[in-house]
Amino acid sequence: MARLTIDGKEIEVPAGTVLIEAARRLGIEIPHYCYHPGLSIAGQCRLCMVEIEKNPRLQISCNTVATDGMVVQTGSPKVLETRKSIMEFHLINHPLDCPVCDQAGECWLQIYYMQHGLYEPRMMDEKVHKPKAVPLGPHVMLDAERCILCSRCVRFCDEVTGTSELGIFNRGDRSEIGLFPGRELANPYSGNVIDICPVGALTDRDFRFAVRVWYLDRAKSVCPGCARGCNIEIHYNVRRPHHNAGRRVARLKPRENPEVNKWWICDFGRYGFGFIDDPSRLLAPARREGPKAEEVSWEDAVQLLAGRLRQYAPEEIGVLASPQMANEDLFLLKRLAGHLGIRSLDFGVPPRDPGFEDHLLIRADKNPNSKGAELIGLLPRDGGPDARGMLQAARARRLKCLWVFHHDLTRSAWGEAEVLEALLALGCLIFQGSNANGVSAHAHLVLPSATYAEREGTFTNFQGRVQRFRKAVEPLGESRPDWEILARVGEAVGLDLRPTRAEDLFRELARTLPAFSGLSYRSLGDLGQKVQE
């Protein structure tokens, strides 16, 4: 351990800690561009200079290890004057086009200029012009004039993805970021270079000019794209609905969690939110008699469903839950199925194509809560059939009512013809989900679910870490969280559990199931907590 003093405050840090991190632990943010805790040290931008007692020259805090007895000043007159000079250097060839730059409002060049800039620049010569609006790949656009050559993007592609598409070419003030010949920035994590670019050099082709960042609100959430459960922020806009073509969710950004995704997310998760505001969203309950479907009220839909559940014997009813559902939904669904004596219960449906996975974050299982469904026990009871067995029983007319949550069975590994034969043989097919699909098209009753961005809940990732996601926007149309729909149905059929919030269900879940014992929304916090196994 090393005990040192930074800006008059004492701190003890583990051996090997660099000064910029030691200061951060004290709540002191030292300005920097090239430093990133997930990348190697470049020492390139020189902005993180600090003054160290008995040292005649300023030192870069990103590459100076804290030692015992060190006395550091991060805001002395000498440091501030140097910082101003370095900012002037970084801005010599910058176009200063903040009013038309998509990074404005979250640009660290803009922020540090306002804090430390030389407001009357001495540079009178013509600036060096470089390529602008250059597509580097499907998601990333380069404006080389705005680049300050911090090299974060180059190091990310070298050290994190190992794909090495980017380099710094030419010399002196002609130096610029670019692709190696014949390469494209198309690795599965390319969007992260946009996040770590501290200026407006690398921007998101999907987000550019969609909505100004100061109109965005933020909600902490969890990516539902695979079993990893990367921590994310949902950036949404409801104050200027005429922006972003009326879509409320504008983008997803990674949220740091050292135990799950560190600072990164994959592009599949980053750009996989289109279904939230997609025209395929189911907006109201509907029932179908023959080829015609008509909207009904929630009261009528719940009574219709309760009537069907009473009409059939328990062995004639099947429930196919989804690992896209939250722990709270699955827990209540299991209680409801137990109350009705339903033995045909499952959640697993094999995808038509095997999922891709890698060594970094991406998992083959494209569901966020398979582990939760296993722990809660959404499995066949007392010898009841599994998911495929339910379809076989439906074709044999032994199963007469099937309640499907979220799955598009027509796109599963079982084949569309086999699935449709089973669905069309049912006397009652109920679909509950957020978007229309091949199952909802044939359902006798459709119940619209809210998406994960429109509600609260928890997922359990493949490591057994339970993580909270928060509500960002209101449910679209008359859609409702799955647990709320299940609670209404439960009330109609006499279930004794009547939650009013998702947290009520999680509290009951933790009280009932040993794996979740001791967990609560409060204890989960922002980073989650592992179940007991």
Foldseek 3Di string as FASTA:
>chain_A
DAWEAEPRRIDDDDFPDFQQVRCVVVVHHQDDALDDVVFDDDCPLVLRWKDWPPDPDTDRRSPHTHHHHIYIYRDDPVSLVVNQVSLLVLCLQAPPPLVQFLCNPQASNVVVCVVRYDPDRPRDDHHDADDAQPAQAPWKTFRFSRASPSCNLQRCCCPPVNNRQWDWDDDDSPITIDGDPPDGQDPQFSCVVQVSRNHRGIDTPQQRPQDRQVQWDWFWFFQFFFLLGFTKIFTFHDPCCPGNVNDTTRWIAGDAFPVGAGRTDTPCRGPVPCLQPDPQFDFAKWFDDPQDIDGDHLVVLLLVVLVVLVVDQLQQEAEAAELQAFLLLLLLVVLLNVVSVHQHFEHDFAFLDFADDDDRHDDRGRGHAPVSNVLSPRAGPPPHDYPVVLLVCLLVVSHAEYEYEADQNCRTNPHNVSNVSSLVSHNAYEYEETGDHNRNSSGRIYAHAFHLQAAWHWHQHPQQFIAITHHNDHGHRPHYHSSQSSLSSCVVNPNPDRDPGSQVSLVVVLVPGQQNPPDHPVVLPHRTDGTDD
